[in-house]
Amino acid sequence: MSWGWCVLGRHWAMVVFIGPVESDGMQAPVHACEGCCAYMRNFVRNYNRHRDRQPA
């Protein structure tokens, strides 16, 4: 972790690299703080839990 701009929370904080984002053929690195990373882990977990319940 290092100090940087949390793209998701839009604030300066201790952040980790979570991956690149692509738009119009260009890329930029994305960093997020622990709170935003926790939010995204929960989002992914809930998304997949809901998707797994849908009929085939």
N, C-alpha and C. Protein backbone atom coordinates (compact mmCIF):
# COMPACT_ATOMS: atom_id res chain seq x y z
N MET A 1 0.85 -1.18 0.00
CA MET A 1 0.00 0.00 0.00
C MET A 1 0.89 1.24 0.00
N SER A 2 0.38 2.26 -0.63
CA SER A 2 1.07 3.54 -0.65
C SER A 2 0.02 4.66 -0.70
N TRP A 3 0.45 5.85 -0.42
CA TRP A 3 -0.47 6.98 -0.49
C TRP A 3 -0.75 7.31 -1.95
N GLY A 4 -2.02 7.58 -2.26
CA GLY A 4 -2.40 7.93 -3.62
C GLY A 4 -3.87 8.30 -3.68
N TRP A 5 -4.34 8.47 -4.90
CA TRP A 5 -5.71 8.88 -5.15
C TRP A 5 -6.60 7.66 -5.28
N CYS A 6 -7.61 7.55 -4.41
CA CYS A 6 -8.60 6.48 -4.51
C CYS A 6 -9.61 6.90 -5.57
N VAL A 7 -9.57 6.24 -6.71
CA VAL A 7 -10.45 6.62 -7.82
C VAL A 7 -11.92 6.38 -7.47
N LEU A 8 -12.22 5.30 -6.74
CA LEU A 8 -13.61 4.99 -6.42
C LEU A 8 -14.18 5.94 -5.38
N GLY A 9 -13.41 6.25 -4.35
CA GLY A 9 -13.89 7.12 -3.29
C GLY A 9 -13.58 8.59 -3.54
N ARG A 10 -12.76 8.84 -4.56
CA ARG A 10 -12.35 10.19 -4.95
C ARG A 10 -11.76 10.97 -3.79
N HIS A 11 -10.75 10.36 -3.13
CA HIS A 11 -10.04 11.02 -2.05
C HIS A 11 -8.62 10.48 -1.94
N TRP A 12 -7.76 11.23 -1.26
CA TRP A 12 -6.37 10.84 -1.02
C TRP A 12 -6.34 9.89 0.16
N ALA A 13 -5.69 8.73 0.01
CA ALA A 13 -5.68 7.72 1.08
C ALA A 13 -4.58 6.71 0.80
N MET A 14 -4.41 5.76 1.72
CA MET A 14 -3.56 4.60 1.46
C MET A 14 -4.32 3.74 0.44
N VAL A 15 -3.68 3.42 -0.67
CA VAL A 15 -4.36 2.71 -1.75
C VAL A 15 -3.54 1.53 -2.24
N VAL A 16 -4.22 0.62 -2.95
CA VAL A 16 -3.57 -0.48 -3.66
C VAL A 16 -4.02 -0.43 -5.11
N PHE A 17 -3.18 -0.95 -5.99
CA PHE A 17 -3.51 -1.04 -7.40
C PHE A 17 -4.55 -2.13 -7.59
N ILE A 18 -5.67 -1.82 -8.24
CA ILE A 18 -6.71 -2.83 -8.45
C ILE A 18 -6.86 -3.21 -9.92
N GLY A 19 -6.13 -2.54 -10.80
CA GLY A 19 -6.15 -2.93 -12.20
C GLY A 19 -6.27 -1.75 -13.13
N PRO A 20 -6.08 -2.00 -14.41
CA PRO A 20 -6.24 -0.94 -15.39
C PRO A 20 -7.70 -0.78 -15.81
N VAL A 21 -8.02 0.42 -16.24
CA VAL A 21 -9.33 0.71 -16.83
C VAL A 21 -9.09 1.12 -18.27
N GLU A 22 -9.94 0.63 -19.17
CA GLU A 22 -9.82 0.98 -20.58
C GLU A 22 -11.00 1.82 -21.01
N SER A 23 -10.70 2.83 -21.82
CA SER A 23 -11.74 3.67 -22.39
C SER A 23 -11.23 4.23 -23.71
N ASP A 24 -12.00 4.07 -24.75
CA ASP A 24 -11.63 4.58 -26.08
C ASP A 24 -10.24 4.14 -26.52
N GLY A 25 -9.88 2.89 -26.20
CA GLY A 25 -8.60 2.34 -26.61
C GLY A 25 -7.42 2.79 -25.77
N MET A 26 -7.67 3.54 -24.70
CA MET A 26 -6.60 3.99 -23.82
C MET A 26 -6.73 3.31 -22.47
N GLN A 27 -5.63 3.26 -21.71
CA GLN A 27 -5.64 2.64 -20.39
C GLN A 27 -5.12 3.61 -19.35
N ALA A 28 -5.58 3.42 -18.11
CA ALA A 28 -5.06 4.17 -16.97
C ALA A 28 -5.08 3.25 -15.75
N PRO A 29 -4.09 3.38 -14.86
CA PRO A 29 -4.08 2.55 -13.65
C PRO A 29 -5.14 3.03 -12.66
N VAL A 30 -5.72 2.09 -11.93
CA VAL A 30 -6.74 2.42 -10.93
C VAL A 30 -6.27 1.94 -9.57
N HIS A 31 -6.37 2.83 -8.59
CA HIS A 31 -6.01 2.52 -7.21
C HIS A 31 -7.23 2.77 -6.33
N ALA A 32 -7.35 2.00 -5.26
CA ALA A 32 -8.50 2.15 -4.35
C ALA A 32 -8.05 1.93 -2.91
N CYS A 33 -8.76 2.56 -1.99
CA CYS A 33 -8.47 2.41 -0.56
C CYS A 33 -9.11 1.12 -0.05
N GLU A 34 -8.79 0.75 1.19
CA GLU A 34 -9.32 -0.49 1.75
C GLU A 34 -10.84 -0.49 1.82
N GLY A 35 -11.44 0.64 2.19
CA GLY A 35 -12.90 0.73 2.25
C GLY A 35 -13.56 0.47 0.91
N CYS A 36 -13.00 1.05 -0.14
CA CYS A 36 -13.55 0.85 -1.48
C CYS A 36 -13.28 -0.56 -1.98
N CYS A 37 -12.12 -1.13 -1.63
CA CYS A 37 -11.83 -2.51 -2.00
C CYS A 37 -12.83 -3.46 -1.33
N ALA A 38 -13.14 -3.19 -0.06
CA ALA A 38 -14.13 -4.01 0.66
C ALA A 38 -15.49 -3.90 -0.01
N TYR A 39 -15.86 -2.68 -0.41
CA TYR A 39 -17.14 -2.47 -1.10
C TYR A 39 -17.17 -3.28 -2.40
N MET A 40 -16.07 -3.25 -3.17
CA MET A 40 -16.03 -3.97 -4.45
C MET A 40 -16.05 -5.49 -4.25
N ARG A 41 -15.35 -5.99 -3.21
CA ARG A 41 -15.41 -7.43 -2.92
C ARG A 41 -16.85 -7.85 -2.62
N ASN A 42 -17.55 -7.04 -1.83
CA ASN A 42 -18.94 -7.32 -1.50
C ASN A 42 -19.83 -7.25 -2.74
N PHE A 43 -19.59 -6.27 -3.61
CA PHE A 43 -20.35 -6.13 -4.85
C PHE A 43 -20.19 -7.38 -5.72
N VAL A 44 -18.95 -7.83 -5.88
CA VAL A 44 -18.68 -9.02 -6.72
C VAL A 44 -19.33 -10.25 -6.10
N ARG A 45 -19.20 -10.41 -4.80
CA ARG A 45 -19.80 -11.56 -4.11
C ARG A 45 -21.32 -11.57 -4.31
N ASN A 46 -21.98 -10.44 -4.10
CA ASN A 46 -23.43 -10.36 -4.26
C ASN A 46 -23.87 -10.55 -5.70
N TYR A 47 -23.12 -9.99 -6.64
CA TYR A 47 -23.44 -10.16 -8.06
C TYR A 47 -23.43 -11.64 -8.43
N ASN A 48 -22.37 -12.34 -8.02
CA ASN A 48 -22.26 -13.75 -8.37
C ASN A 48 -23.26 -14.61 -7.63
N ARG A 49 -23.56 -14.26 -6.40
CA ARG A 49 -24.58 -15.00 -5.65
C ARG A 49 -25.94 -14.87 -6.36
N HIS A 50 -26.28 -13.67 -6.81
CA HIS A 50 -27.55 -13.44 -7.51
C HIS A 50 -27.56 -14.16 -8.86
N ARG A 51 -26.44 -14.08 -9.60
CA ARG A 51 -26.34 -14.71 -10.90
C ARG A 51 -26.46 -16.21 -10.79
N ASP A 52 -25.87 -16.81 -9.74
CA ASP A 52 -25.93 -18.26 -9.57
C ASP A 52 -27.33 -18.75 -9.25
N ARG A 53 -28.20 -17.89 -8.74
CA ARG A 53 -29.58 -18.29 -8.42
C ARG A 53 -30.51 -18.26 -9.63
N GLN A 54 -30.10 -17.62 -10.71
CA GLN A 54 -30.96 -17.51 -11.89
C GLN A 54 -31.03 -18.85 -12.62
N PRO A 55 -32.20 -19.14 -13.18
CA PRO A 55 -32.35 -20.41 -13.92
C PRO A 55 -31.45 -20.42 -15.16
N ALA A 56 -31.04 -21.61 -15.55
CA ALA A 56 -30.14 -21.76 -16.72
C ALA A 56 -30.89 -21.54 -18.00
